[in-house]
Protein backbone atom coordinates (compact mmCIF):
# COMPACT_ATOMS: atom_id res chain seq x y z
CA UNK A 1 -10.83 27.97 18.04
CA UNK A 2 -10.93 28.76 14.24
CA UNK A 3 -14.23 30.38 13.35
CA UNK A 4 -13.60 31.62 9.90
CA UNK A 5 -13.82 28.13 8.35
CA UNK A 6 -16.11 26.80 5.74
CA UNK A 7 -17.36 23.30 6.26
CA UNK A 8 -19.08 21.97 3.29
CA UNK A 9 -19.90 18.63 1.48
CA UNK A 10 -16.87 16.88 -0.26
CA UNK A 11 -17.28 16.77 -4.08
CA UNK A 12 -15.52 14.91 -6.84
CA UNK A 13 -13.59 18.19 -7.51
CA UNK A 14 -11.99 17.77 -4.18
CA UNK A 15 -10.40 14.28 -4.98
CA UNK A 16 -6.91 15.67 -6.10
CA UNK A 17 -6.67 17.81 -3.03
CA UNK A 18 -7.69 14.93 -0.73
CA UNK A 19 -5.03 12.56 -2.22
CA UNK A 20 -2.45 15.33 -1.89
CA UNK A 21 -3.21 15.59 1.77
CA UNK A 22 -3.38 11.94 2.38
CA UNK A 23 -0.44 10.99 4.52
CA UNK A 24 -1.95 9.16 7.61
CA UNK A 25 -1.67 5.39 7.31
CA UNK A 26 -3.55 3.61 5.85
CA UNK A 27 -3.48 6.12 2.87
CA UNK A 28 -6.58 6.12 0.81
CA UNK A 29 -6.43 6.37 -2.98
CA UNK A 30 -8.45 8.66 -5.10
CA UNK A 31 -10.57 5.64 -6.13
CA UNK A 32 -11.29 4.95 -2.38
CA UNK A 33 -12.41 8.48 -1.69
CA UNK A 34 -14.42 8.31 -4.97
CA UNK A 35 -15.94 4.93 -3.75
CA UNK A 36 -17.04 6.78 -0.45
CA UNK A 37 -18.30 9.67 -2.22
CA UNK A 38 -20.84 7.64 -4.16
CA UNK A 39 -21.54 5.07 -1.51
CA UNK A 40 -25.34 5.17 -0.73
CA UNK A 41 -24.85 5.53 2.99
CA UNK A 42 -21.60 7.54 3.08
CA UNK A 43 -21.17 11.17 3.41
CA UNK A 44 -18.20 13.41 3.87
CA UNK A 45 -17.34 17.16 4.80
CA UNK A 46 -14.23 19.18 4.01
CA UNK A 47 -12.88 22.14 5.80
CA UNK A 48 -11.39 25.10 3.97
CA UNK A 49 -10.85 28.90 4.74
CA UNK A 50 -13.19 29.71 1.83
CA UNK A 51 -14.92 28.06 -1.29
CA UNK A 52 -11.73 28.56 -3.48
CA UNK A 53 -9.07 27.58 -0.91
CA UNK A 54 -7.31 24.24 -0.49
CA UNK A 55 -8.82 21.50 1.99
CA UNK A 56 -7.39 21.65 5.31
CA UNK A 57 -9.40 18.91 6.82
CA UNK A 58 -11.94 16.29 5.97
CA UNK A 59 -14.25 13.72 7.73
CA UNK A 60 -15.67 10.63 5.96
CA UNK A 61 -18.67 8.96 7.62
CA UNK A 62 -21.45 6.33 6.99
CA UNK A 63 -24.83 6.19 8.48
CA UNK A 64 -26.98 3.16 8.26
CA UNK A 65 -29.68 1.43 10.38
CA UNK A 66 -29.66 4.06 13.24
CA UNK A 67 -25.81 3.94 13.73
CA UNK A 68 -22.97 5.82 12.31
CA UNK A 69 -19.27 5.31 11.87
CA UNK A 70 -16.39 7.82 11.32
CA UNK A 71 -13.99 6.25 8.82
CA UNK A 72 -11.61 8.86 8.47
CA UNK A 73 -10.92 12.40 9.95
CA UNK A 74 -7.86 14.40 9.00
CA UNK A 75 -6.58 17.94 9.67
CA UNK A 76 -3.58 19.19 7.90
CA UNK A 77 -0.32 19.57 10.03
CA UNK A 78 -0.23 23.35 9.81
CA UNK A 79 -3.90 23.58 10.70
CA UNK A 80 -3.86 21.42 13.82
CA UNK A 81 -4.39 23.06 17.16
CA UNK A 82 -6.99 25.58 15.71
CA UNK A 83 -10.23 23.99 16.23
CA UNK A 84 -10.53 22.42 12.85
CA UNK A 85 -10.92 18.91 14.04
CA UNK A 86 -13.48 20.01 16.69
CA UNK A 87 -15.53 21.79 13.82
CA UNK A 88 -15.42 18.76 11.53
CA UNK A 89 -16.33 16.26 14.39
CA UNK A 90 -19.23 18.71 15.52
CA UNK A 91 -20.47 18.99 12.03
CA UNK A 92 -20.31 15.09 11.62
CA UNK A 93 -22.22 14.53 14.74
CA UNK A 94 -24.77 16.94 13.95
CA UNK A 95 -25.50 15.36 10.69
CA UNK A 96 -25.60 12.00 12.34
CA UNK A 97 -28.33 13.49 14.86
CA UNK A 98 -30.25 14.75 11.79
CA UNK A 99 -30.10 11.34 10.31
CA UNK A 100 -31.49 9.95 13.68
CA UNK A 101 -28.49 7.78 14.27
CA UNK A 102 -28.43 6.63 17.94
CA UNK A 103 -24.63 5.74 18.04
CA UNK A 104 -21.50 6.44 16.46
CA UNK A 105 -18.26 4.27 16.36
CA UNK A 106 -14.82 4.82 15.27
CA UNK A 107 -11.17 3.38 15.56
CA UNK A 108 -8.02 5.38 16.20
CA UNK A 109 -4.49 4.54 16.76
CA UNK A 110 -3.60 3.86 20.36
CA UNK A 111 -0.82 6.30 20.08
CA UNK A 112 -2.87 9.15 18.77
CA UNK A 113 -3.44 10.94 22.05
CA UNK A 114 -4.48 14.19 20.49
CA UNK A 115 -7.34 12.48 18.38
CA UNK A 116 -8.26 10.48 21.58
CA UNK A 117 -8.60 13.59 23.57
CA UNK A 118 -10.71 15.21 20.92
CA UNK A 119 -12.95 12.23 20.79
CA UNK A 120 -13.36 12.07 24.52
CA UNK A 121 -14.09 15.74 24.76
CA UNK A 122 -16.99 15.00 22.39
CA UNK A 123 -18.35 12.11 24.72
CA UNK A 124 -16.78 9.19 23.14
CA UNK A 125 -16.03 6.19 25.30
CA UNK A 126 -13.31 3.38 24.84
CA UNK A 127 -15.38 0.19 24.20
CA UNK A 128 -12.55 -2.11 22.88
CA UNK A 129 -9.44 -2.69 21.10
CA UNK A 130 -8.45 -4.29 17.73
CA UNK A 131 -4.97 -5.79 18.07
CA UNK A 132 -2.49 -4.81 15.15
CA UNK A 133 -5.33 -3.11 13.27
CA UNK A 134 -2.99 -0.67 11.61
CA UNK A 135 0.17 -1.21 9.58
CA UNK A 136 3.04 1.20 8.80
CA UNK A 137 3.87 0.92 11.96
CA UNK A 138 1.77 -2.03 13.25
CA UNK A 139 -0.34 -0.64 16.02
CA UNK A 140 -3.34 -1.54 18.05
CA UNK A 141 -6.65 0.51 17.39
CA UNK A 142 -8.88 1.84 20.25
CA UNK A 143 -12.53 1.51 19.55
CA UNK A 144 -14.84 4.24 20.59
CA UNK A 145 -18.61 4.68 20.80
CA UNK A 146 -20.72 7.60 21.51
CA UNK A 147 -24.35 8.18 22.00
CA UNK A 148 -25.67 10.82 19.52
CA UNK A 149 -27.32 13.77 21.27
CA UNK A 150 -30.49 14.87 19.89
CA UNK A 151 -30.46 18.49 20.88
CA UNK A 152 -30.66 21.59 18.84
CA UNK A 153 -27.48 23.15 17.87
CA UNK A 154 -25.17 20.23 18.69
CA UNK A 155 -21.68 20.63 17.28
CA UNK A 156 -22.17 24.53 16.94
């Protein structure tokens, strides 16, 4: 697992780097990232090697009324398999616990076995399916839910 990563809050200065990384369908525009950045219930983390390096991953979430949702999680192709996704997901779940969220929800492409395995490793369980949820290519989404654990050091 990668241990020399900086996980920090996303800023407006990150928008260009985020859009450059955006390849997973559906692709978000700079305007969509900015909308999330300033949404009152949304928050985001980015992963980079240090404060001056390019972003190698990010997670975009919302927490409201005791529930949380992971809207998007991304790790650059050359950084996959090094624990970046685990660190981002752990940091997100820690933030959700700090905000007293009881549950977290997310959708993932049915074919994205690597992401599904990561979510299941963190305690997410499949609760449903959304037919033809994704486009380019058209694909079903698996809906996952996890209880947020209220323990010290969760995600460390």
